[in-house]
Amino acid sequence: MKKCILALCILVLFLVGCGGEQPASDTPPAAPVENLQPPPAELPPWPPPEDTRSFEERTADTIQATITMENGGVIVMELYPELAPQSVRNFVELARKGFYDGLAFHRIMSGFMVQGGCPDGTGSGNPGYSIRGEYEENGFKNELNHLRGVVSMARGGNPNYDSAGSQFFIVHANSPGLNKQYAGFGKVISGMEVVDEIAETPNSGPNGAVAIEDRPIIKTITIDSDVELPPPDKISR
């Protein structure tokens, strides 16, 4: 019995002693941690704390943007970064990157609105992400009513509250039915006659779709200020 116990102890000591160095393996090593994609950043809570300042105070600071059409028409807008910060940051970032250059107003309904900014021209295109919807139905305080000349973010139908990406529209005639359901973030201050001209473009259906050959083309959208803004909070699609 003593011999068996002694033999077992020797075997255990032998195994422990061999444990410090493992045999070589043909299995490739795991990728270094720094080569792995980091997890997506967590979005801030929504809705944000309500801004208790008056509408006038939140629209006092403006950023000017200019749409130059391929035919030479010019539309000047003022944007409200403190009223709809995510929408303005997104629009400014895309414009500065040249995202809108060469795109078209693809959906036009005279007496209602003109819509552009779709990268594929179908009305379903986006920049690869979406942003928060800054309007009351989505829990966000935004009192900018959809009067003639107001600039607002297009989005998918409910319940796609946070589906806006790059598409925007300019209100052609007062449209109170859009209030509290879409994120107004600016308004036209010069060039509504150009918007009127765009609105006269014939469409091919009740939804305002315009034939490709008839679409008014945006030559460029410029931000007429060197103001620095943080990027919008982007939601992965």
Protein backbone atom coordinates (compact mmCIF):
# COMPACT_ATOMS: atom_id res chain seq x y z
CA MET A 1 0.00 0.00 0.00
CA LYS A 2 2.84 2.36 0.89
CA LYS A 3 4.43 1.66 -2.50
CA CYS A 4 1.19 2.59 -4.30
CA ILE A 5 0.94 5.89 -2.41
CA LEU A 6 4.60 6.69 -3.16
CA ALA A 7 4.13 5.95 -6.87
CA LEU A 8 1.03 8.19 -7.01
CA CYS A 9 2.88 11.12 -5.38
CA ILE A 10 5.76 10.79 -7.87
CA LEU A 11 3.25 10.85 -10.77
CA VAL A 12 1.54 14.01 -9.43
CA LEU A 13 4.88 15.79 -8.99
CA PHE A 14 5.83 14.85 -12.56
CA LEU A 15 2.61 16.30 -14.02
CA VAL A 16 2.89 19.53 -12.04
CA GLY A 17 6.48 19.98 -13.12
CA CYS A 18 5.52 19.65 -16.79
CA GLY A 19 2.73 22.17 -16.57
CA GLY A 20 4.88 25.29 -16.94
CA GLU A 21 5.52 24.93 -20.67
CA GLN A 22 2.84 23.84 -23.13
CA PRO A 23 3.61 21.96 -26.33
CA ALA A 24 3.64 23.87 -29.62
CA SER A 25 0.32 24.05 -31.49
CA ASP A 26 -0.64 24.51 -35.14
CA THR A 27 -3.63 26.69 -34.09
CA PRO A 28 -2.97 30.36 -34.96
CA PRO A 29 -2.98 32.76 -32.00
CA ALA A 30 -6.00 34.94 -31.35
CA ALA A 31 -5.99 38.41 -32.92
CA PRO A 32 -4.50 41.12 -30.69
CA VAL A 33 -7.10 43.09 -28.79
CA GLU A 34 -6.15 46.34 -30.54
CA ASN A 35 -7.18 44.86 -33.90
CA LEU A 36 -10.72 44.15 -32.76
CA GLN A 37 -13.55 46.58 -33.47
CA PRO A 38 -14.56 48.50 -30.33
CA PRO A 39 -18.19 48.24 -29.27
CA PRO A 40 -20.43 51.07 -30.54
CA ALA A 41 -20.56 54.12 -28.35
CA GLU A 42 -23.60 54.29 -26.11
CA LEU A 43 -26.06 57.01 -27.10
CA PRO A 44 -26.99 59.65 -24.54
CA PRO A 45 -30.36 59.15 -22.82
CA TRP A 46 -33.45 60.24 -24.74
CA PRO A 47 -35.23 62.56 -24.48
CA PRO A 48 -32.64 64.99 -23.16
CA PRO A 49 -33.48 67.35 -20.29
CA GLU A 50 -35.96 69.96 -21.50
CA ASP A 51 -34.50 73.33 -22.45
CA THR A 52 -36.55 75.83 -20.46
CA ARG A 53 -35.46 78.88 -22.43
CA SER A 54 -38.01 80.63 -24.61
CA PHE A 55 -38.39 79.89 -28.32
CA GLU A 56 -36.91 83.30 -29.09
CA GLU A 57 -33.84 82.59 -26.96
CA ARG A 58 -33.29 79.19 -28.58
CA THR A 59 -33.49 80.64 -32.09
CA ALA A 60 -31.34 83.72 -31.43
CA ASP A 61 -28.09 82.05 -32.51
CA THR A 62 -28.15 81.01 -36.15
CA ILE A 63 -25.93 79.37 -38.75
CA GLN A 64 -26.39 80.41 -42.37
CA ALA A 65 -26.48 77.81 -45.14
CA THR A 66 -26.78 78.38 -48.88
CA ILE A 67 -28.22 76.02 -51.46
CA THR A 68 -26.96 76.78 -54.96
CA MET A 69 -28.94 75.06 -57.68
CA GLU A 70 -27.44 73.77 -60.91
CA ASN A 71 -29.46 76.37 -62.84
CA GLY A 72 -27.99 79.20 -60.74
CA GLY A 73 -30.85 79.67 -58.29
CA VAL A 74 -29.83 80.44 -54.70
CA ILE A 75 -31.70 79.66 -51.48
CA VAL A 76 -30.31 81.07 -48.23
CA MET A 77 -31.41 79.52 -44.94
CA GLU A 78 -30.78 80.16 -41.27
CA LEU A 79 -30.40 77.12 -39.04
CA TYR A 80 -31.11 76.93 -35.31
CA PRO A 81 -28.44 74.86 -33.52
CA GLU A 82 -29.94 75.44 -30.08
CA LEU A 83 -33.50 74.58 -31.11
CA ALA A 84 -32.74 71.31 -32.93
CA PRO A 85 -29.06 70.56 -32.24
CA GLN A 86 -28.94 67.02 -33.64
CA SER A 87 -30.64 68.02 -36.89
CA VAL A 88 -28.42 71.07 -37.41
CA ARG A 89 -25.20 69.24 -36.56
CA ASN A 90 -26.12 66.49 -38.99
CA PHE A 91 -27.04 68.87 -41.83
CA VAL A 92 -23.90 70.96 -41.33
CA GLU A 93 -21.63 67.91 -41.20
CA LEU A 94 -23.11 66.43 -44.39
CA ALA A 95 -22.98 69.77 -46.22
CA ARG A 96 -19.34 70.34 -45.29
CA LYS A 97 -18.47 66.87 -46.56
CA GLY A 98 -20.11 67.66 -49.92
CA PHE A 99 -22.71 64.95 -49.37
CA TYR A 100 -25.51 66.99 -50.97
CA ASP A 101 -23.55 68.16 -53.99
CA GLY A 102 -25.18 66.82 -57.16
CA LEU A 103 -28.25 65.40 -55.43
CA ALA A 104 -31.77 66.44 -56.41
CA PHE A 105 -35.17 67.48 -55.17
CA HIS A 106 -36.80 64.15 -55.97
CA ARG A 107 -40.21 64.68 -54.35
CA ILE A 108 -42.12 67.87 -55.13
CA MET A 109 -45.68 68.80 -54.20
CA SER A 110 -46.68 72.36 -55.01
CA GLY A 111 -48.63 73.92 -52.15
CA PHE A 112 -47.05 71.50 -49.69
CA MET A 113 -43.26 70.97 -49.79
CA VAL A 114 -40.16 70.15 -51.86
CA GLN A 115 -37.92 67.31 -50.63
CA GLY A 116 -34.29 66.51 -51.42
CA GLY A 117 -31.10 65.02 -50.03
CA CYS A 118 -31.64 61.36 -50.96
CA PRO A 119 -28.33 59.83 -52.15
CA ASP A 120 -30.00 57.23 -54.36
CA GLY A 121 -32.93 59.36 -55.52
CA THR A 122 -35.60 56.88 -54.46
CA GLY A 123 -36.71 58.54 -51.25
CA SER A 124 -35.31 55.61 -49.26
CA GLY A 125 -31.63 56.57 -49.25
CA ASN A 126 -29.65 57.63 -46.21
CA PRO A 127 -26.07 58.40 -45.15
CA GLY A 128 -25.66 55.02 -43.46
CA TYR A 129 -27.11 56.05 -40.12
CA SER A 130 -30.04 57.94 -38.64
CA ILE A 131 -30.39 60.61 -35.95
CA ARG A 132 -32.77 61.41 -33.13
CA GLY A 133 -36.10 62.91 -34.13
CA GLU A 134 -36.34 66.34 -32.52
CA TYR A 135 -40.08 66.93 -32.35
CA GLU A 136 -42.79 66.75 -29.73
CA GLU A 137 -44.25 63.39 -30.72
CA ASN A 138 -40.81 61.93 -29.97
CA GLY A 139 -40.58 63.62 -26.57
CA PHE A 140 -38.53 66.62 -27.72
CA LYS A 141 -39.51 70.27 -27.28
CA ASN A 142 -39.54 71.99 -30.68
CA GLU A 143 -42.06 74.75 -31.33
CA LEU A 144 -40.93 75.61 -34.88
CA ASN A 145 -44.20 75.31 -36.79
CA HIS A 146 -44.21 74.23 -40.41
CA LEU A 147 -44.94 77.57 -42.02
CA ARG A 148 -43.94 78.54 -45.55
CA GLY A 149 -40.15 78.48 -45.85
CA VAL A 150 -39.41 76.29 -42.83
CA VAL A 151 -36.72 73.64 -43.33
CA SER A 152 -37.36 70.28 -41.70
CA MET A 153 -36.03 66.71 -41.60
CA ALA A 154 -37.83 64.03 -43.59
CA ARG A 155 -38.21 60.64 -41.90
CA GLY A 156 -39.96 57.29 -42.14
CA GLY A 157 -43.54 56.90 -41.02
CA ASN A 158 -44.48 56.08 -37.45
CA PRO A 159 -43.24 54.38 -35.36
CA ASN A 160 -39.90 55.25 -37.00
CA TYR A 161 -39.37 58.29 -34.82
CA ASP A 162 -35.57 58.26 -35.09
CA SER A 163 -35.30 57.49 -38.81
CA ALA A 164 -34.16 60.84 -40.26
CA GLY A 165 -30.81 60.74 -42.05
CA SER A 166 -29.94 63.13 -44.86
CA GLN A 167 -33.27 63.97 -46.47
CA PHE A 168 -34.83 67.35 -45.76
CA PHE A 169 -37.73 69.37 -47.07
CA ILE A 170 -38.67 73.02 -47.45
CA VAL A 171 -42.29 73.88 -46.72
CA HIS A 172 -43.92 75.53 -49.76
CA ALA A 173 -47.17 76.52 -48.06
CA ASN A 174 -48.20 76.52 -44.41
CA SER A 175 -48.65 72.89 -43.34
CA PRO A 176 -49.87 72.73 -39.71
CA GLY A 177 -50.48 68.99 -40.05
CA LEU A 178 -46.69 68.49 -39.85
CA ASN A 179 -46.32 70.36 -36.56
CA LYS A 180 -45.02 68.28 -33.63
CA GLN A 181 -44.36 65.34 -35.99
CA TYR A 182 -41.26 66.50 -37.89
CA ALA A 183 -38.06 68.21 -36.80
CA GLY A 184 -38.01 71.77 -38.10
CA PHE A 185 -34.46 73.11 -37.79
CA GLY A 186 -34.30 76.26 -39.91
CA LYS A 187 -36.05 78.49 -42.40
CA VAL A 188 -35.46 80.21 -45.74
CA ILE A 189 -34.50 83.87 -45.37
CA SER A 190 -33.80 84.56 -49.04
CA GLY A 191 -34.70 82.81 -52.27
CA MET A 192 -38.28 81.63 -51.71
CA GLU A 193 -38.86 82.50 -55.37
CA VAL A 194 -36.40 79.69 -56.18
CA VAL A 195 -38.39 77.33 -53.96
CA ASP A 196 -41.55 78.45 -55.84
CA GLU A 197 -39.83 77.62 -59.12
CA ILE A 198 -38.81 74.18 -57.83
CA ALA A 199 -42.38 73.60 -56.63
CA GLU A 200 -43.67 74.06 -60.18
CA THR A 201 -41.72 71.03 -61.39
CA PRO A 202 -44.21 68.44 -62.66
CA ASN A 203 -44.46 65.23 -60.66
CA SER A 204 -45.71 61.84 -61.72
CA GLY A 205 -47.98 60.78 -58.91
CA PRO A 206 -49.88 61.67 -55.73
CA ASN A 207 -46.76 61.14 -53.61
CA GLY A 208 -44.87 63.83 -55.52
CA ALA A 209 -42.26 61.63 -57.21
CA VAL A 210 -40.46 63.46 -60.01
CA ALA A 211 -39.05 61.79 -63.12
CA ILE A 212 -35.26 61.67 -63.04
CA GLU A 213 -34.88 63.87 -66.11
CA ASP A 214 -37.07 66.59 -64.54
CA ARG A 215 -35.50 66.76 -61.11
CA PRO A 216 -33.97 70.10 -60.02
CA ILE A 217 -30.33 69.45 -59.14
CA ILE A 218 -28.51 70.83 -56.11
CA LYS A 219 -25.08 72.02 -57.23
CA THR A 220 -23.84 72.53 -53.72
CA ILE A 221 -24.85 73.35 -50.16
CA THR A 222 -22.39 75.52 -48.27
CA ILE A 223 -22.23 76.50 -44.62
CA ASP A 224 -21.45 80.21 -44.53
CA SER A 225 -19.77 80.12 -41.15
CA ASP A 226 -16.68 78.54 -39.64
CA VAL A 227 -18.51 77.65 -36.44
CA GLU A 228 -17.38 74.33 -34.98
CA LEU A 229 -20.11 71.88 -34.00
CA PRO A 230 -19.82 68.41 -32.49
CA PRO A 231 -21.04 65.57 -34.71
CA PRO A 232 -24.61 64.36 -34.27
CA ASP A 233 -25.39 61.27 -32.22
CA LYS A 234 -25.58 58.65 -34.96
CA ILE A 235 -27.81 55.61 -34.73
CA SER A 236 -26.57 52.57 -36.66
CA ARG A 237 -28.91 51.24 -39.31
